[in-house]
Protein backbone atom coordinates (compact mmCIF):
# COMPACT_ATOMS: atom_id res chain seq x y z
CA MET A 1 -15.13 -164.43 -64.02
CA LEU A 2 -18.22 -163.74 -62.75
CA LYS A 3 -18.98 -166.95 -61.11
CA ARG A 4 -15.66 -167.12 -59.16
CA LEU A 5 -16.56 -162.80 -58.16
CA TRP A 6 -19.74 -164.52 -56.85
CA LEU A 7 -18.07 -166.77 -55.04
CA VAL A 8 -15.48 -165.06 -53.63
CA PHE A 9 -18.07 -162.46 -51.88
CA ALA A 10 -20.49 -165.18 -50.52
CA GLN A 11 -17.27 -166.25 -48.74
CA VAL A 12 -16.37 -162.84 -47.20
CA CYS A 13 -20.46 -162.77 -46.73
CA THR A 14 -20.29 -165.86 -44.39
CA VAL A 15 -17.10 -164.76 -42.72
CA CYS A 16 -18.25 -160.85 -41.39
CA VAL A 17 -21.14 -163.02 -40.16
CA ALA A 18 -19.75 -165.57 -38.17
CA VAL A 19 -17.42 -163.29 -36.85
CA LEU A 20 -21.19 -161.09 -35.74
CA PHE A 21 -22.35 -163.98 -34.17
CA THR A 22 -19.12 -164.38 -32.42
CA VAL A 23 -18.97 -160.49 -31.11
CA SER A 24 -22.59 -160.05 -30.09
CA THR A 25 -22.48 -163.41 -28.36
CA LEU A 26 -19.16 -162.93 -26.47
CA ARG A 27 -18.63 -158.68 -26.35
CA PRO A 28 -22.37 -157.36 -27.13
CA GLU A 29 -21.16 -153.84 -25.89
CA LEU A 30 -19.01 -153.24 -27.99
CA LEU A 31 -21.85 -153.53 -30.61
CA SER A 32 -23.11 -150.50 -28.64
CA ARG A 33 -23.24 -147.68 -30.71
CA ALA A 34 -22.85 -145.04 -26.75
CA PRO A 35 -19.40 -145.86 -24.83
CA ALA A 36 -20.48 -148.01 -22.47
CA VAL A 37 -20.52 -146.28 -18.49
CA VAL A 38 -20.33 -147.85 -15.44
CA ALA A 39 -22.76 -147.38 -13.32
CA PRO A 40 -22.43 -144.85 -10.08
CA ALA A 41 -22.77 -146.36 -6.49
CA LEU A 42 -24.53 -143.73 -5.73
CA PRO A 43 -28.27 -143.60 -6.43
CA SER A 44 -29.38 -140.45 -9.06
CA ALA A 45 -30.66 -137.56 -7.51
CA PRO A 46 -34.28 -138.69 -7.87
CA ALA A 47 -36.71 -136.60 -10.56
CA LYS A 48 -37.89 -133.13 -9.33
CA THR A 49 -41.37 -133.53 -8.38
CA ALA A 50 -44.37 -130.69 -7.67
CA ALA A 51 -44.00 -128.60 -5.10
CA PRO A 52 -46.29 -128.97 -2.18
CA GLN A 53 -49.69 -126.78 -2.06
CA SER A 54 -50.25 -125.13 1.07
CA GLY A 55 -52.45 -127.80 2.33
CA ASP A 56 -49.94 -130.65 2.44
CA ALA A 57 -48.98 -132.05 5.88
CA GLY A 58 -45.56 -132.78 4.80
CA VAL A 59 -42.93 -129.97 4.76
CA ALA A 60 -39.31 -130.11 3.43
CA LYS A 61 -36.71 -130.86 5.51
CA ALA A 62 -33.40 -129.23 5.57
CA ASN A 63 -31.11 -131.50 5.11
CA THR A 64 -32.97 -133.58 2.33
CA ALA A 65 -32.02 -137.55 2.14
CA ALA A 66 -31.54 -136.77 -1.51
CA LEU A 67 -27.97 -136.88 -3.11
CA PRO A 68 -27.24 -133.86 -4.85
CA ALA A 69 -26.68 -133.76 -8.41
CA ASN A 70 -22.53 -132.94 -8.33
CA GLY A 71 -22.58 -135.54 -5.26
CA LEU A 72 -21.01 -134.84 -2.42
CA SER A 73 -17.84 -132.66 -3.49
CA GLU A 74 -19.76 -129.72 -2.27
CA ALA A 75 -20.48 -130.54 1.27
CA ALA A 76 -16.64 -131.94 1.62
CA LYS A 77 -15.38 -128.17 0.17
CA ARG A 78 -17.66 -126.63 2.83
CA ALA A 79 -16.73 -128.20 5.64
CA LEU A 80 -13.25 -129.52 5.25
CA SER A 81 -11.44 -126.09 6.18
CA SER A 82 -13.33 -125.98 9.39
CA VAL A 83 -12.08 -129.51 10.62
CA VAL A 84 -8.36 -129.42 12.72
CA LYS A 85 -6.34 -131.40 13.66
CA ILE A 86 -5.52 -131.76 17.40
CA SER A 87 -1.76 -133.42 18.88
CA THR A 88 -1.56 -133.39 22.74
CA SER A 89 1.19 -134.36 24.67
CA ALA A 90 1.84 -135.07 28.64
CA GLU A 91 4.14 -136.33 31.10
CA ARG A 92 3.14 -138.71 33.51
CA ARG A 93 5.15 -140.00 36.23
CA TYR A 94 4.90 -143.64 37.21
CA ARG A 95 6.81 -145.22 40.19
CA ASN A 96 8.07 -148.97 40.50
CA PRO A 97 7.08 -151.06 43.13
CA PHE A 98 10.86 -152.22 43.59
CA THR A 99 11.57 -148.42 43.84
CA ASP A 100 12.38 -148.61 47.98
CA ASP A 101 13.71 -152.43 47.73
CA PRO A 102 17.00 -152.20 48.96
CA MET A 103 18.38 -155.53 46.90
CA PHE A 104 16.59 -153.22 43.72
CA GLU A 105 18.40 -150.01 44.82
CA ARG A 106 22.25 -152.22 45.26
CA PHE A 107 22.43 -153.09 41.63
CA PHE A 108 20.66 -150.00 40.07
CA GLY A 109 20.68 -147.18 42.60
CA ARG A 110 18.92 -143.83 43.47
CA ASP A 111 19.21 -142.72 39.79
CA ARG A 112 16.63 -145.71 38.49
CA GLN A 113 14.07 -142.94 40.06
CA MET A 114 14.39 -140.74 37.71
CA ARG A 115 13.40 -142.56 34.77
CA GLU A 116 9.89 -142.68 35.91
CA ASN A 117 8.15 -139.56 34.04
CA GLN A 118 7.25 -140.68 30.43
CA PRO A 119 6.12 -138.39 27.64
CA MET A 120 2.63 -139.50 26.67
CA SER A 121 0.40 -137.82 23.28
CA GLY A 122 -2.00 -138.65 21.78
CA GLN A 123 -4.19 -137.29 18.35
CA GLY A 124 -7.96 -136.12 17.75
CA SER A 125 -9.73 -134.21 15.34
CA GLY A 126 -11.50 -130.87 16.43
CA VAL A 127 -14.20 -128.41 14.97
CA ILE A 128 -14.05 -124.85 13.98
CA VAL A 129 -17.52 -123.69 15.80
CA ARG A 130 -16.43 -119.65 15.59
CA ALA A 131 -14.29 -117.59 13.16
CA ASP A 132 -12.58 -116.06 17.03
CA GLY A 133 -10.57 -119.66 17.52
CA TYR A 134 -13.21 -121.81 19.55
CA ILE A 135 -12.69 -125.51 18.27
CA VAL A 136 -14.90 -128.21 19.48
CA THR A 137 -13.23 -131.81 19.96
CA ASN A 138 -14.12 -134.66 22.22
CA ASN A 139 -13.29 -135.02 26.51
CA HIS A 140 -11.01 -138.00 25.80
CA VAL A 141 -9.14 -136.02 22.97
CA VAL A 142 -7.90 -133.03 25.07
CA GLU A 143 -8.21 -135.01 28.91
CA GLY A 144 -4.97 -134.79 30.74
CA ALA A 145 -3.15 -132.52 28.13
CA GLU A 146 -0.42 -130.40 29.44
CA LYS A 147 0.42 -129.10 25.80
CA ILE A 148 -2.41 -129.27 22.84
CA GLU A 149 -1.89 -128.19 19.57
CA VAL A 150 -3.73 -127.52 16.50
CA GLU A 151 -2.80 -127.74 13.21
CA LEU A 152 -5.28 -126.12 10.62
CA PHE A 153 -6.54 -126.99 7.31
CA ASP A 154 -3.87 -124.65 5.42
CA LYS A 155 -1.23 -126.22 7.93
CA ARG A 156 -0.40 -123.12 10.44
CA VAL A 157 0.15 -124.76 13.87
CA PHE A 158 -0.86 -122.81 16.81
CA SER A 159 -1.07 -123.46 20.37
CA ALA A 160 -4.66 -124.06 22.21
CA LYS A 161 -5.49 -123.82 26.06
CA LYS A 162 -8.94 -125.27 27.40
CA VAL A 163 -11.81 -123.05 27.73
CA GLY A 164 -13.94 -125.75 29.51
CA VAL A 165 -14.83 -130.11 29.23
CA ASP A 166 -17.61 -131.60 29.94
CA PRO A 167 -16.93 -135.67 30.76
CA GLU A 168 -20.27 -136.96 31.22
CA SER A 169 -21.23 -135.96 27.59
CA ASP A 170 -17.47 -136.37 26.01
CA LEU A 171 -16.95 -132.58 24.34
CA ALA A 172 -14.42 -130.06 25.00
CA VAL A 173 -13.89 -126.79 23.85
CA ILE A 174 -10.62 -125.63 23.52
CA ARG A 175 -9.48 -121.61 22.09
CA ILE A 176 -6.37 -121.01 20.09
CA ASP A 177 -5.58 -116.92 19.52
CA VAL A 178 -6.14 -116.92 15.87
CA THR A 179 -9.14 -114.73 14.28
CA GLU A 180 -10.97 -115.02 10.75
CA LEU A 181 -11.33 -118.61 10.88
CA PRO A 182 -13.63 -120.72 9.04
CA ALA A 183 -16.23 -121.40 11.29
CA ILE A 184 -18.87 -124.33 10.41
CA THR A 185 -22.58 -123.90 10.31
CA ILE A 186 -24.64 -125.84 13.19
CA ASP A 187 -27.50 -127.45 11.46
CA ASP A 188 -30.39 -129.31 13.71
CA SER A 189 -29.64 -132.60 13.96
CA ASN A 190 -33.20 -133.13 14.89
CA GLN A 191 -33.93 -133.20 11.19
CA LEU A 192 -31.67 -136.33 10.16
CA SER A 193 -33.57 -139.57 9.72
CA PRO A 194 -32.04 -142.78 9.02
CA GLY A 195 -30.59 -143.53 5.01
CA ASP A 196 -29.74 -139.72 5.24
CA TRP A 197 -26.35 -139.20 3.14
CA VAL A 198 -23.12 -137.92 5.79
CA LEU A 199 -19.92 -137.01 5.34
CA ALA A 200 -17.28 -138.37 8.35
CA ILE A 201 -14.37 -135.50 8.15
CA GLY A 202 -11.23 -136.19 10.32
CA ASN A 203 -7.48 -136.81 10.76
CA PRO A 204 -7.17 -140.70 10.69
CA PHE A 205 -4.46 -142.04 12.85
CA GLY A 206 -3.06 -138.52 12.92
CA VAL A 207 -1.20 -139.01 9.79
CA PHE A 208 -2.99 -138.22 6.74
CA GLY A 209 -4.13 -134.99 7.51
CA ASN A 210 -8.16 -134.14 6.71
CA SER A 211 -10.06 -137.22 4.93
CA VAL A 212 -13.65 -137.46 4.14
CA THR A 213 -15.54 -140.30 4.24
CA MET A 214 -19.08 -141.17 2.98
CA GLY A 215 -22.24 -143.19 4.56
CA ILE A 216 -25.53 -142.83 5.68
CA VAL A 217 -27.42 -142.33 8.94
CA SER A 218 -28.19 -145.64 10.16
CA ALA A 219 -29.57 -144.89 13.56
CA LEU A 220 -30.73 -142.24 15.89
CA GLY A 221 -30.64 -142.22 19.33
CA ARG A 222 -28.88 -144.65 20.36
CA THR A 223 -27.83 -145.75 23.93
CA GLN A 224 -26.11 -147.77 26.28
CA ILE A 225 -22.35 -147.08 24.54
CA GLY A 226 -19.10 -146.90 25.63
CA ASP A 227 -19.08 -146.15 29.65
CA GLY A 228 -22.45 -145.56 29.97
CA SER A 229 -22.98 -142.09 30.05
CA PRO A 230 -26.42 -140.70 31.16
CA PHE A 231 -26.48 -138.00 28.46
CA GLU A 232 -26.69 -140.56 25.21
CA SER A 233 -28.34 -140.24 21.97
CA PHE A 234 -25.78 -140.71 19.54
CA ILE A 235 -26.21 -140.66 15.79
CA GLN A 236 -24.96 -143.87 14.19
CA THR A 237 -23.24 -144.03 11.18
CA ASP A 238 -21.38 -146.32 8.85
CA ALA A 239 -19.27 -143.30 7.27
CA ALA A 240 -15.93 -144.54 8.39
CA ILE A 241 -14.31 -143.51 11.76
CA ASN A 242 -10.84 -144.49 12.08
CA GLN A 243 -8.83 -143.10 15.17
CA GLY A 244 -8.18 -140.06 14.90
CA ASN A 245 -11.27 -138.76 14.09
CA SER A 246 -12.60 -138.48 17.31
CA GLY A 247 -13.71 -134.64 17.77
CA GLY A 248 -13.87 -134.41 13.92
CA ALA A 249 -17.27 -133.39 11.86
CA LEU A 250 -20.27 -135.54 11.03
CA VAL A 251 -21.95 -133.24 7.91
CA ASN A 252 -24.82 -133.42 5.92
CA VAL A 253 -25.41 -132.76 2.53
CA ASN A 254 -25.46 -129.34 2.71
CA GLY A 255 -21.81 -129.43 4.63
CA ASN A 256 -23.59 -128.47 7.93
CA LEU A 257 -22.58 -129.40 11.32
CA VAL A 258 -24.89 -132.10 12.16
CA GLY A 259 -22.52 -134.20 14.81
CA ILE A 260 -19.37 -134.75 16.80
CA ASN A 261 -17.64 -138.26 15.64
CA THR A 262 -16.39 -139.64 18.92
CA SER A 263 -16.25 -143.52 18.97
CA ILE A 264 -16.83 -147.11 17.14
CA PHE A 265 -18.27 -150.54 17.97
CA THR A 266 -15.53 -153.33 17.04
CA ARG A 267 -14.53 -156.55 17.90
CA THR A 268 -11.72 -156.01 16.15
CA GLY A 269 -9.89 -153.02 17.06
CA ASP A 270 -10.61 -151.73 13.27
CA PHE A 271 -13.91 -149.94 11.83
CA SER A 272 -16.69 -152.48 11.29
CA GLY A 273 -19.17 -150.08 9.72
CA ILE A 274 -20.85 -148.80 13.15
CA GLY A 275 -19.49 -145.52 14.36
CA PHE A 276 -21.01 -142.49 17.06
CA ALA A 277 -21.70 -139.32 16.34
CA ILE A 278 -23.19 -137.14 19.38
CA PRO A 279 -25.90 -135.06 17.59
CA THR A 280 -25.72 -131.01 17.50
CA ALA A 281 -29.02 -131.18 19.63
CA ILE A 282 -26.93 -132.03 22.68
CA VAL A 283 -23.51 -130.16 21.93
CA LYS A 284 -24.95 -126.84 20.69
CA PRO A 285 -26.24 -125.81 24.60
CA ILE A 286 -23.15 -127.74 25.90
CA LEU A 287 -21.46 -125.51 23.49
CA GLU A 288 -22.62 -122.66 24.31
CA GLN A 289 -22.22 -123.41 28.54
CA LEU A 290 -18.46 -124.33 28.09
CA ILE A 291 -17.94 -121.21 26.13
CA SER A 292 -19.87 -118.47 27.96
CA LYS A 293 -19.22 -120.50 32.24
CA GLY A 294 -16.35 -122.81 31.31
CA GLU A 295 -18.39 -125.58 33.06
CA VAL A 296 -21.83 -127.16 31.71
CA ARG A 297 -24.47 -126.84 35.03
CA ARG A 298 -27.07 -129.36 34.66
CA GLY A 299 -30.86 -129.75 36.48
CA TYR A 300 -31.22 -132.34 38.90
CA LEU A 301 -34.05 -134.33 39.95
CA GLY A 302 -32.69 -136.59 42.47
CA ALA A 303 -34.52 -140.01 41.22
CA SER A 304 -32.61 -142.68 39.39
CA LEU A 305 -34.92 -143.34 35.45
CA GLY A 306 -35.29 -146.69 33.76
CA SER A 307 -36.46 -148.12 30.67
CA ILE A 308 -40.11 -149.57 30.80
CA THR A 309 -39.77 -152.98 30.08
CA PRO A 310 -42.14 -155.42 29.13
CA GLU A 311 -42.27 -156.31 32.82
CA VAL A 312 -43.07 -152.97 34.35
CA LYS A 313 -45.65 -152.31 31.77
CA SER A 314 -47.56 -155.49 32.83
CA ARG A 315 -46.70 -154.90 36.11
CA LEU A 316 -48.27 -151.34 36.42
CA ALA A 317 -50.71 -151.88 33.73
CA LEU A 318 -49.98 -149.44 31.22
CA LYS A 319 -51.04 -148.78 27.40
CA ASP A 320 -47.74 -148.21 26.26
CA THR A 321 -44.21 -148.07 27.22
CA ARG A 322 -43.86 -144.24 26.46
CA GLY A 323 -41.88 -142.51 29.21
CA ALA A 324 -39.21 -143.27 31.83
CA PHE A 325 -39.87 -145.51 34.45
CA VAL A 326 -39.34 -143.85 38.33
CA ASN A 327 -36.76 -146.92 40.14
CA ALA A 328 -36.17 -144.78 43.35
CA VAL A 329 -35.84 -141.36 44.81
CA ILE A 330 -33.72 -139.91 46.69
CA ASP A 331 -34.71 -138.60 50.22
CA GLY A 332 -34.24 -135.23 50.61
CA GLY A 333 -33.90 -134.37 46.67
CA PRO A 334 -35.52 -132.09 44.45
CA GLY A 335 -37.78 -134.94 43.50
CA SER A 336 -38.56 -136.80 46.52
CA ARG A 337 -40.02 -132.72 48.28
CA ALA A 338 -42.08 -132.60 45.49
CA GLY A 339 -43.47 -135.56 45.51
CA ILE A 340 -42.04 -137.56 43.05
CA ARG A 341 -42.27 -141.59 44.24
CA PRO A 342 -41.02 -144.73 42.74
CA ASN A 343 -43.05 -146.74 40.40
CA ASP A 344 -44.32 -142.87 39.12
CA VAL A 345 -43.96 -143.04 35.58
CA ILE A 346 -42.62 -139.60 34.06
CA ILE A 347 -44.67 -138.90 30.39
CA GLU A 348 -43.63 -134.87 30.19
CA VAL A 349 -40.76 -132.91 31.72
CA ASN A 350 -41.45 -129.01 31.25
CA GLY A 351 -43.96 -129.68 28.77
CA LYS A 352 -42.58 -131.40 26.38
CA ALA A 353 -43.35 -135.33 25.64
CA VAL A 354 -40.01 -137.72 26.61
CA ALA A 355 -40.88 -141.29 24.80
CA ASP A 356 -37.73 -143.21 27.01
CA ARG A 357 -35.45 -142.86 29.24
CA SER A 358 -33.06 -141.20 27.38
CA GLU A 359 -35.39 -138.24 26.70
CA ALA A 360 -36.13 -137.66 30.54
CA ILE A 361 -32.57 -137.44 31.36
CA ASN A 362 -31.37 -135.30 28.63
CA ALA A 363 -34.27 -132.99 28.89
CA ILE A 364 -34.14 -132.56 33.22
CA ALA A 365 -30.07 -132.33 32.71
CA SER A 366 -30.55 -129.22 29.88
CA ILE A 367 -32.88 -126.96 32.02
CA PRO A 368 -30.60 -125.09 34.54
CA PRO A 369 -30.59 -125.74 38.07
CA GLU A 370 -32.66 -123.77 40.79
CA GLN A 371 -36.02 -123.36 37.75
CA THR A 372 -38.80 -124.64 38.84
CA ILE A 373 -40.78 -126.60 36.25
CA ALA A 374 -43.92 -128.67 35.30
CA VAL A 375 -43.45 -132.92 35.64
CA LYS A 376 -46.78 -134.89 34.13
CA LEU A 377 -46.06 -138.11 35.01
CA LEU A 378 -48.79 -141.35 35.70
CA ARG A 379 -49.29 -142.94 38.83
CA ASP A 380 -51.94 -145.86 39.47
CA GLY A 381 -53.26 -145.41 36.13
CA ASN A 382 -54.16 -141.39 36.71
CA GLU A 383 -51.86 -138.65 35.07
CA LYS A 384 -50.54 -136.25 37.91
CA GLU A 385 -48.42 -133.05 37.66
CA LEU A 386 -45.88 -131.67 39.77
CA ASN A 387 -43.69 -128.49 40.71
CA VAL A 388 -40.59 -129.91 40.87
CA THR A 389 -37.21 -126.87 41.63
CA LEU A 390 -34.44 -128.70 40.37
CA GLY A 391 -31.48 -128.76 42.25
CA LYS A 392 -27.71 -128.76 40.64
CA ARG A 393 -26.30 -132.52 39.33
CA PRO A 394 -23.67 -133.34 41.65
CA PRO A 395 -20.39 -133.58 39.21
CA PRO A 396 -19.40 -137.73 38.38
CA THR A 397 -17.66 -140.13 40.18
CA ARG A 398 -15.75 -141.26 37.19
CA GLN A 399 -14.65 -139.30 34.21
CA ARG A 400 -14.86 -141.16 31.01
CA GLN A 401 -11.49 -143.20 30.10
């Protein structure tokens, strides 16, 4: 009897060992005491470090790249109600080239001309920047619109009027007759760094309502985007931006505005991971001028500026490539009267160093006309400072399409 019990016990143990071996080989996670957890795609917040002492060189940034412990839901919640849907409509008249053809008139009659008016519509996004109804968006969203409607986050719809537009920066301000709106907080985009987390908020394709996409700052100071406007210094991000997101918000981890989404780079027509936003460092002064004056008045130097290429650096025997190269100077313009010449290299505008052509152009344009500023430049290897009284920049000859 004991021998039979021992035999049964041995067989049971053998089976258990075999099962244990099989499970540990094929499904080891089943043997863990704690349930399996899929690791998040985003890195967790870093461990707290000691606060910097008074002698530390660095200071904490307002827009930290660290992801908050609760993710980005709070940032999205703060900004979502400030982003609106914009619908536009207009009627455009097209003239058929065969309208005046007698043969065409014989078969189709003059009433054919009545069909030349065609309704046009568009969709975009905007951001509430003041509680009394002011909304910033892209110029290309409202350009040519005869009727503008704004749908708020709570689904209320209001008619809007243009306050001012600036085609050169592709920015516009519209207003609805409503108060106590949830205006977004505007942060300094100069505090951004590549790798910082950002959210893009807008109304993709005009049918889904406010949507939030997440990404990082891929690069800063991007130029030569779109039609080559001189006032370019875009934030590049991989947060998804689709048709209908134009004019929407790019916000940081605090839910504060750092850019206005404006365009994408694509070879297919779909989002390819490269989107662009106008930084608030450019948006804010333009916004203030459009609200107060209805237009943007920019300083004008009357000179064609270019980048310092290796060829220019070698020809002028420059030590580095910082600054903006003066290609040409308009006779009788502000720069010419002040003594600026071709082949000069502008390195400082109004006491602020400029790293490249884009910074020089933006610095000059940000100063009101008729103001006298100091321009420091390099000429024949020597630094020279000139006082320039800026003119008013002439209107653009071609608007953004």
